C-alpha atoms as a PDB file:
ATOM      1  CA  MET A   1      18.763  29.462  40.341  1.00  0.00           C
ATOM      2  CA  ASN A   2      18.857  26.378  37.871  1.00  0.00           C
ATOM      3  CA  SER A   3      15.791  27.641  35.945  1.00  0.00           C
ATOM      4  CA  THR A   4      17.516  30.690  34.983  1.00  0.00           C
ATOM      5  CA  ARG A   5      20.630  28.815  34.061  1.00  0.00           C
ATOM      6  CA  GLN A   6      19.242  26.095  31.880  1.00  0.00           C
ATOM      7  CA  PRO A   7      18.593  28.224  28.660  1.00  0.00           C
ATOM      8  CA  ASN A   8      22.417  29.229  28.545  1.00  0.00           C
ATOM      9  CA  ARG A   9      22.994  25.450  27.897  1.00  0.00           C
ATOM     10  CA  TRP A  10      21.633  25.742  24.283  1.00  0.00           C
ATOM     11  CA  TRP A  11      24.521  27.731  23.021  1.00  0.00           C
ATOM     12  CA  VAL A  12      26.511  24.515  22.950  1.00  0.00           C
ATOM     13  CA  PRO A  13      24.347  22.649  20.502  1.00  0.00           C
ATOM     14  CA  ALA A  14      23.517  25.673  18.855  1.00  0.00           C
ATOM     15  CA  GLY A  15      27.274  26.570  18.213  1.00  0.00           C
ATOM     16  CA  LEU A  16      28.054  22.862  17.465  1.00  0.00           C
ATOM     17  CA  ILE A  17      25.076  22.962  14.708  1.00  0.00           C
ATOM     18  CA  LEU A  18      26.642  26.021  12.798  1.00  0.00           C
ATOM     19  CA  LEU A  19      30.037  24.633  12.934  1.00  0.00           C
ATOM     20  CA  ASN A  20      28.441  21.163  11.281  1.00  0.00           C
ATOM     21  CA  LEU A  21      26.514  23.191   8.506  1.00  0.00           C
ATOM     22  CA  ILE A  22      29.888  23.466   6.548  1.00  0.00           C
ATOM     23  CA  PRO A  23      30.586  19.913   6.111  1.00  0.00           C
ATOM     24  CA  VAL A  24      26.603  19.199   5.878  1.00  0.00           C
ATOM     25  CA  ILE A  25      26.249  21.183   3.086  1.00  0.00           C
ATOM     26  CA  GLY A  26      29.494  19.833   1.214  1.00  0.00           C
ATOM     27  CA  GLY A  27      28.138  16.576   1.648  1.00  0.00           C
ATOM     28  CA  ALA A  28      24.695  17.319   0.429  1.00  0.00           C
ATOM     29  CA  PHE A  29      26.789  18.817  -2.660  1.00  0.00           C
ATOM     30  CA  ARG A  30      28.665  15.430  -3.078  1.00  0.00           C
ATOM     31  CA  VAL A  31      25.465  13.533  -2.871  1.00  0.00           C
ATOM     32  CA  THR A  32      23.801  15.795  -5.637  1.00  0.00           C
ATOM     33  CA  GLU A  33      26.797  15.531  -8.046  1.00  0.00           C
ATOM     34  CA  LEU A  34      26.603  11.573  -7.383  1.00  0.00           C
ATOM     35  CA  THR A  35      23.216  11.081  -7.933  1.00  0.00           C
ATOM     36  CA  GLY A  36      22.488  13.908 -10.523  1.00  0.00           C
ATOM     37  CA  GLY A  37      24.910  12.918 -13.244  1.00  0.00           C
ATOM     38  CA  ALA A  38      27.513  15.394 -12.843  1.00  0.00           C
ATOM     39  CA  ASP A  39      30.603  15.428 -14.943  1.00  0.00           C
ATOM     40  CA  ILE A  40      33.653  12.841 -13.689  1.00  0.00           C
ATOM     41  CA  THR A  41      36.533  14.920 -13.087  1.00  0.00           C
ATOM     42  CA  PRO A  42      40.137  13.851 -11.705  1.00  0.00           C
ATOM     43  CA  GLY A  43      38.760  15.185  -8.302  1.00  0.00           C
ATOM     44  CA  ASN A  44      35.533  13.344  -8.064  1.00  0.00           C
ATOM     45  CA  GLU A  45      36.539  10.364 -10.041  1.00  0.00           C
ATOM     46  CA  ARG A  46      37.408   7.912  -7.213  1.00  0.00           C
ATOM     47  CA  PHE A  47      33.851   8.755  -5.790  1.00  0.00           C
ATOM     48  CA  PHE A  48      31.961   7.575  -9.115  1.00  0.00           C
ATOM     49  CA  ASP A  49      33.770   4.417  -9.241  1.00  0.00           C
ATOM     50  CA  SER A  50      32.718   3.609  -5.519  1.00  0.00           C
ATOM     51  CA  PRO A  51      30.032   5.702  -4.221  1.00  0.00           C
ATOM     52  CA  ALA A  52      28.825   3.624  -1.387  1.00  0.00           C
ATOM     53  CA  PRO A  53      31.311   4.236   1.092  1.00  0.00           C
ATOM     54  CA  VAL A  54      31.172   8.266   0.551  1.00  0.00           C
ATOM     55  CA  LEU A  55      27.074   8.188   0.792  1.00  0.00           C
ATOM     56  CA  ILE A  56      27.279   6.072   3.941  1.00  0.00           C
ATOM     57  CA  HIS A  57      30.092   8.642   5.320  1.00  0.00           C
ATOM     58  CA  ILE A  58      27.880  11.600   4.370  1.00  0.00           C
ATOM     59  CA  ALA A  59      24.849  10.056   5.841  1.00  0.00           C
ATOM     60  CA  SER A  60      25.908   8.758   9.069  1.00  0.00           C
ATOM     61  CA  ALA A  61      28.151  12.048   9.778  1.00  0.00           C
ATOM     62  CA  THR A  62      25.208  13.914   9.349  1.00  0.00           C
ATOM     63  CA  VAL A  63      23.116  11.858  11.615  1.00  0.00           C
ATOM     64  CA  TYR A  64      25.689  11.800  14.178  1.00  0.00           C
ATOM     65  CA  ALA A  65      26.838  15.428  14.031  1.00  0.00           C
ATOM     66  CA  PHE A  66      23.420  17.005  14.336  1.00  0.00           C
ATOM     67  CA  LEU A  67      21.988  14.356  17.108  1.00  0.00           C
ATOM     68  CA  GLY A  68      25.295  14.178  18.834  1.00  0.00           C
ATOM     69  CA  ALA A  69      25.318  18.048  19.764  1.00  0.00           C
ATOM     70  CA  PHE A  70      21.917  17.682  21.814  1.00  0.00           C
ATOM     71  CA  GLN A  71      23.964  15.026  23.928  1.00  0.00           C
ATOM     72  CA  PHE A  72      25.530  18.087  25.809  1.00  0.00           C
ATOM     73  CA  ILE A  73      22.422  19.303  27.246  1.00  0.00           C
ATOM     74  CA  PRO A  74      22.291  18.227  30.849  1.00  0.00           C
ATOM     75  CA  SER A  75      18.704  18.158  31.252  1.00  0.00           C
ATOM     76  CA  PHE A  76      18.528  15.516  28.120  1.00  0.00           C
ATOM     77  CA  ARG A  77      20.298  13.134  30.337  1.00  0.00           C
ATOM     78  CA  ARG A  78      17.820  12.719  33.199  1.00  0.00           C
ATOM     79  CA  PRO A  79      14.867   9.856  32.588  1.00  0.00           C
ATOM     80  CA  GLN A  80      11.506  11.301  32.874  1.00  0.00           C
ATOM     81  CA  LYS A  81       9.394   9.364  34.962  1.00  0.00           C
ATOM     82  CA  GLY A  82      10.798   6.041  34.692  1.00  0.00           C
ATOM     83  CA  ARG A  83      11.360   6.279  30.978  1.00  0.00           C
ATOM     84  CA  ARG A  84      14.498   6.405  29.546  1.00  0.00           C
ATOM     85  CA  SER A  85      15.950   9.716  28.777  1.00  0.00           C
ATOM     86  CA  TRP A  86      16.820  11.513  25.575  1.00  0.00           C
ATOM     87  CA  HIS A  87      20.358  10.885  25.865  1.00  0.00           C
ATOM     88  CA  GLN A  88      19.897   7.125  26.460  1.00  0.00           C
ATOM     89  CA  LEU A  89      17.348   6.471  23.434  1.00  0.00           C
ATOM     90  CA  VAL A  90      19.379   8.618  21.012  1.00  0.00           C
ATOM     91  CA  GLY A  91      22.685   7.157  22.232  1.00  0.00           C
ATOM     92  CA  ARG A  92      21.465   3.904  20.387  1.00  0.00           C
ATOM     93  CA  ILE A  93      21.014   5.789  17.087  1.00  0.00           C
ATOM     94  CA  LEU A  94      24.571   7.717  17.607  1.00  0.00           C
ATOM     95  CA  VAL A  95      26.788   4.889  18.902  1.00  0.00           C
ATOM     96  CA  PRO A  96      26.173   2.820  15.250  1.00  0.00           C
ATOM     97  CA  ALA A  97      26.303   6.121  13.414  1.00  0.00           C
ATOM     98  CA  GLY A  98      29.902   7.052  15.053  1.00  0.00           C
ATOM     99  CA  PHE A  99      31.099   3.519  14.097  1.00  0.00           C
ATOM    100  CA  LEU A 100      29.554   3.950  10.530  1.00  0.00           C
ATOM    101  CA  VAL A 101      31.646   7.439  10.385  1.00  0.00           C
ATOM    102  CA  ALA A 102      34.847   6.189  11.442  1.00  0.00           C
ATOM    103  CA  LEU A 103      34.909   2.841   9.271  1.00  0.00           C
ATOM    104  CA  SER A 104      33.885   4.475   6.194  1.00  0.00           C
ATOM    105  CA  GLY A 105      36.358   7.058   6.602  1.00  0.00           C
ATOM    106  CA  LEU A 106      38.929   4.604   7.534  1.00  0.00           C
ATOM    107  CA  TRP A 107      38.192   2.783   4.175  1.00  0.00           C
ATOM    108  CA  MET A 108      37.853   5.608   2.174  1.00  0.00           C
ATOM    109  CA  THR A 109      41.490   6.726   3.286  1.00  0.00           C
ATOM    110  CA  LEU A 110      42.796   3.267   2.657  1.00  0.00           C
ATOM    111  CA  PHE A 111      41.120   2.247  -0.413  1.00  0.00           C
ATOM    112  CA  TYR A 112      40.202   5.400  -2.677  1.00  0.00           C
ATOM    113  CA  ALA A 113      43.183   6.630  -4.856  1.00  0.00           C
ATOM    114  CA  LEU A 114      44.843   9.474  -2.781  1.00  0.00           C
ATOM    115  CA  PRO A 115      44.199  12.820  -4.791  1.00  0.00           C
ATOM    116  CA  PRO A 116      47.353  14.987  -5.487  1.00  0.00           C
ATOM    117  CA  SER A 117      45.876  17.725  -3.249  1.00  0.00           C
ATOM    118  CA  ASP A 118      45.940  15.528  -0.233  1.00  0.00           C
ATOM    119  CA  GLY A 119      49.672  14.126   0.028  1.00  0.00           C
ATOM    120  CA  VAL A 120      51.033  11.455   2.606  1.00  0.00           C
ATOM    121  CA  VAL A 121      51.108  13.640   5.263  1.00  0.00           C
ATOM    122  CA  LEU A 122      47.316  14.298   5.122  1.00  0.00           C
ATOM    123  CA  TYR A 123      47.007  10.164   4.748  1.00  0.00           C
ATOM    124  CA  ILE A 124      48.782   9.403   7.915  1.00  0.00           C
ATOM    125  CA  LEU A 125      46.721  12.124  10.030  1.00  0.00           C
ATOM    126  CA  ARG A 126      43.210  10.497   8.625  1.00  0.00           C
ATOM    127  CA  LEU A 127      44.535   7.151   9.532  1.00  0.00           C
ATOM    128  CA  VAL A 128      45.504   8.536  13.132  1.00  0.00           C
ATOM    129  CA  PHE A 129      42.449  10.289  13.900  1.00  0.00           C
ATOM    130  CA  GLY A 130      39.984   7.735  12.403  1.00  0.00           C
ATOM    131  CA  THR A 131      41.769   5.079  14.244  1.00  0.00           C
ATOM    132  CA  ALA A 132      41.471   7.106  17.546  1.00  0.00           C
ATOM    133  CA  MET A 133      37.955   7.914  16.845  1.00  0.00           C
ATOM    134  CA  LEU A 134      37.001   4.256  16.349  1.00  0.00           C
ATOM    135  CA  ALA A 135      38.933   3.409  19.738  1.00  0.00           C
ATOM    136  CA  PHE A 136      37.366   6.147  21.746  1.00  0.00           C
ATOM    137  CA  LEU A 137      33.813   4.768  20.573  1.00  0.00           C
ATOM    138  CA  VAL A 138      34.955   1.122  21.524  1.00  0.00           C
ATOM    139  CA  LEU A 139      36.154   2.250  24.698  1.00  0.00           C
ATOM    140  CA  GLY A 140      32.999   4.503  25.528  1.00  0.00           C
ATOM    141  CA  ALA A 141      30.734   1.305  24.671  1.00  0.00           C
ATOM    142  CA  LEU A 142      32.478  -0.663  26.913  1.00  0.00           C
ATOM    143  CA  ASP A 143      32.192   1.893  29.658  1.00  0.00           C
ATOM    144  CA  ILE A 144      28.421   2.009  29.408  1.00  0.00           C
ATOM    145  CA  ARG A 145      28.245  -1.736  29.812  1.00  0.00           C
ATOM    146  CA  ARG A 146      30.212  -1.271  32.935  1.00  0.00           C
ATOM    147  CA  ARG A 147      28.024   1.438  33.978  1.00  0.00           C
ATOM    148  CA  ASN A 148      30.783   3.632  34.200  1.00  0.00           C
ATOM    149  CA  PHE A 149      28.829   6.478  33.195  1.00  0.00           C
ATOM    150  CA  THR A 150      31.623   9.300  33.601  1.00  0.00           C
ATOM    151  CA  GLY A 151      34.190   7.460  31.699  1.00  0.00           C
ATOM    152  CA  HIS A 152      31.401   6.619  28.784  1.00  0.00           C
ATOM    153  CA  GLY A 153      30.892  10.506  28.405  1.00  0.00           C
ATOM    154  CA  ALA A 154      34.581  11.297  28.273  1.00  0.00           C
ATOM    155  CA  TRP A 155      35.298   8.877  25.731  1.00  0.00           C
ATOM    156  CA  MET A 156      32.190   9.802  23.833  1.00  0.00           C
ATOM    157  CA  THR A 157      33.015  13.358  23.901  1.00  0.00           C
ATOM    158  CA  ARG A 158      36.522  12.823  22.468  1.00  0.00           C
ATOM    159  CA  ALA A 159      35.228  10.723  19.623  1.00  0.00           C
ATOM    160  CA  TYR A 160      32.476  13.468  18.663  1.00  0.00           C
ATOM    161  CA  ALA A 161      35.167  16.088  18.695  1.00  0.00           C
ATOM    162  CA  ILE A 162      37.138  14.411  16.095  1.00  0.00           C
ATOM    163  CA  ALA A 163      33.912  13.840  13.982  1.00  0.00           C
ATOM    164  CA  VAL A 164      33.261  17.568  13.823  1.00  0.00           C
ATOM    165  CA  GLY A 165      36.989  18.213  12.840  1.00  0.00           C
ATOM    166  CA  ALA A 166      35.346  18.391   9.355  1.00  0.00           C
ATOM    167  CA  GLY A 167      33.522  21.781  10.654  1.00  0.00           C
ATOM    168  CA  THR A 168      36.775  23.172  12.029  1.00  0.00           C
ATOM    169  CA  GLN A 169      38.888  22.157   9.215  1.00  0.00           C
ATOM    170  CA  PRO A 170      37.471  24.725   6.430  1.00  0.00           C
ATOM    171  CA  LEU A 171      37.629  27.551   8.957  1.00  0.00           C
ATOM    172  CA  LEU A 172      41.556  27.057   9.438  1.00  0.00           C
ATOM    173  CA  LEU A 173      42.014  26.474   5.646  1.00  0.00           C
ATOM    174  CA  MET A 174      40.581  29.930   4.943  1.00  0.00           C
ATOM    175  CA  ILE A 175      43.243  31.748   7.020  1.00  0.00           C
ATOM    176  CA  PRO A 176      45.983  31.084   4.134  1.00  0.00           C
ATOM    177  CA  GLU A 177      43.422  31.487   1.493  1.00  0.00           C
ATOM    178  CA  LEU A 178      42.496  34.956   2.758  1.00  0.00           C
ATOM    179  CA  THR A 179      46.265  36.048   3.510  1.00  0.00           C
ATOM    180  CA  SER A 180      48.650  34.376   1.129  1.00  0.00           C
ATOM    181  CA  GLY A 181      46.844  32.376  -1.150  1.00  0.00           C
ATOM    182  CA  PRO A 182      45.792  28.695  -1.417  1.00  0.00           C
ATOM    183  CA  PRO A 183      48.089  26.316   0.920  1.00  0.00           C
ATOM    184  CA  ASP A 184      50.703  23.967  -0.454  1.00  0.00           C
ATOM    185  CA  VAL A 185      49.910  20.237   0.230  1.00  0.00           C
ATOM    186  CA  THR A 186      51.951  20.070   3.237  1.00  0.00           C
ATOM    187  CA  THR A 187      50.473  23.182   5.082  1.00  0.00           C
ATOM    188  CA  ARG A 188      46.783  21.991   3.992  1.00  0.00           C
ATOM    189  CA  ALA A 189      47.567  18.753   6.042  1.00  0.00           C
ATOM    190  CA  LEU A 190      49.010  20.691   8.851  1.00  0.00           C
ATOM    191  CA  LEU A 191      45.895  22.746   9.017  1.00  0.00           C
ATOM    192  CA  ILE A 192      43.712  19.985   8.818  1.00  0.00           C
ATOM    193  CA  GLY A 193      45.499  18.099  11.591  1.00  0.00           C
ATOM    194  CA  ALA A 194      45.443  21.117  13.615  1.00  0.00           C
ATOM    195  CA  ALA A 195      41.695  21.207  13.422  1.00  0.00           C
ATOM    196  CA  TRP A 196      41.348  17.903  15.110  1.00  0.00           C
ATOM    197  CA  VAL A 197      44.081  18.696  18.078  1.00  0.00           C
ATOM    198  CA  ILE A 198      42.035  21.889  18.681  1.00  0.00           C
ATOM    199  CA  ASN A 199      38.804  20.129  18.722  1.00  0.00           C
ATOM    200  CA  LEU A 200      40.386  17.234  21.272  1.00  0.00           C
ATOM    201  CA  GLY A 201      41.725  20.283  23.486  1.00  0.00           C
ATOM    202  CA  VAL A 202      38.381  21.896  23.470  1.00  0.00           C
ATOM    203  CA  ALA A 203      37.111  18.268  24.042  1.00  0.00           C
ATOM    204  CA  GLU A 204      39.508  17.552  27.045  1.00  0.00           C
ATOM    205  CA  TYR A 205      38.531  21.312  28.751  1.00  0.00           C
ATOM    206  CA  ALA A 206      34.981  20.247  28.509  1.00  0.00           C
ATOM    207  CA  ILE A 207      35.564  16.693  30.259  1.00  0.00           C
ATOM    208  CA  SER A 208      37.830  18.294  33.203  1.00  0.00           C
ATOM    209  CA  ARG A 209      34.848  20.774  33.730  1.00  0.00           C
ATOM    210  CA  ARG A 210      32.255  18.345  33.741  1.00  0.00           C
ATOM    211  CA  ARG A 211      34.535  16.414  36.226  1.00  0.00           C
ATOM    212  CA  LEU A 212      34.923  18.980  38.505  1.00  0.00           C
ATOM    213  CA  GLN A 213      31.107  19.647  38.509  1.00  0.00           C
ATOM    214  CA  LEU A 214      30.292  16.093  39.719  1.00  0.00           C
ATOM    215  CA  PRO A 215      29.095  15.544  43.324  1.00  0.00           C
ATOM    216  CA  ALA A 216      31.611  14.982  45.635  1.00  0.00           C
ATOM    217  CA  ARG A 217      30.054  11.340  46.233  1.00  0.00           C
ATOM    218  CA  ARG A 218      30.616  10.415  42.910  1.00  0.00           C
ATOM    219  CA  THR A 219      34.242  11.745  42.288  1.00  0.00           C
ATOM    220  CA  GLN A 220      35.821  10.583  45.793  1.00  0.00           C
ATOM    221  CA  PRO A 221      36.461   7.097  46.342  1.00  0.00           C
ATOM    222  CA  LYS A 222      34.767   5.272  49.246  1.00  0.00           C
ATOM    223  CA  THR A 223      36.661   4.775  52.255  1.00  0.00           C
ATOM    224  CA  LEU A 224      35.867   2.409  55.280  1.00  0.00           C
ATOM    225  CA  GLN A 225      34.580   4.578  58.391  1.00  0.00           C
ATOM    226  CA  PRO A 226      36.655   3.269  61.348  1.00  0.00           C
ATOM    227  CA  GLN A 227      34.099   1.425  64.096  1.00  0.00           C
ATOM    228  CA  GLN A 228      33.343   3.311  66.998  1.00  0.00           C
ATOM    229  CA  ARG A 229      34.376   1.990  70.107  1.00  0.00           C
ATOM    230  CA  THR A 230      31.896   1.869  73.171  1.00  0.00           C
ATOM    231  CA  ALA A 231      33.555   2.377  76.483  1.00  0.00           C
ATOM    232  CA  PRO A 232      33.709  -0.837  78.577  1.00  0.00           C
END
């Protein structure tokens, strides 16, 4: 039974990789722009003035998005012959990468000049979701130190959902582009925020499904068994 179901697990990382191709290609274009001597425009001037944060963000987000997709394959979590599992080994890369994604994103939000196309609403949303991702990573790291694997997985799933919002956002932004033209500043901000909310909703669904599939001995609290009395 398990051998026939296992290949179906690959649709999850495959879908996540396809979703992440959009921001990764955009990030590669930005790196080429910064390193190839492109013309400075009002839209990219802030990146040329301080390129380090955006380069760190792009590199860490690429690693986090692609490697993180494979963490959702159950077989990768199982140790092999006493050795650490893929999940454990890659986790040592993903946690620092996730922190770099969140911190560099917050840094750019706080210290880069706000482009006219973004607006105050998007500025606030980026602060809220960037801080939430950072908090989820901290809570996940604390849970793994306490060996609370269920809690660790839940927090890390939520953090990943926020990080891959960059892949969902262009899909939502295409809707007004195809129907009524480019969205205004407020509509654009709300669509970007909606992408984060949708991703977190999917993450919560996956977390709840995972908890339902846990063995009863891991989900039910232990109770003291009454002592059997013997007849005098």
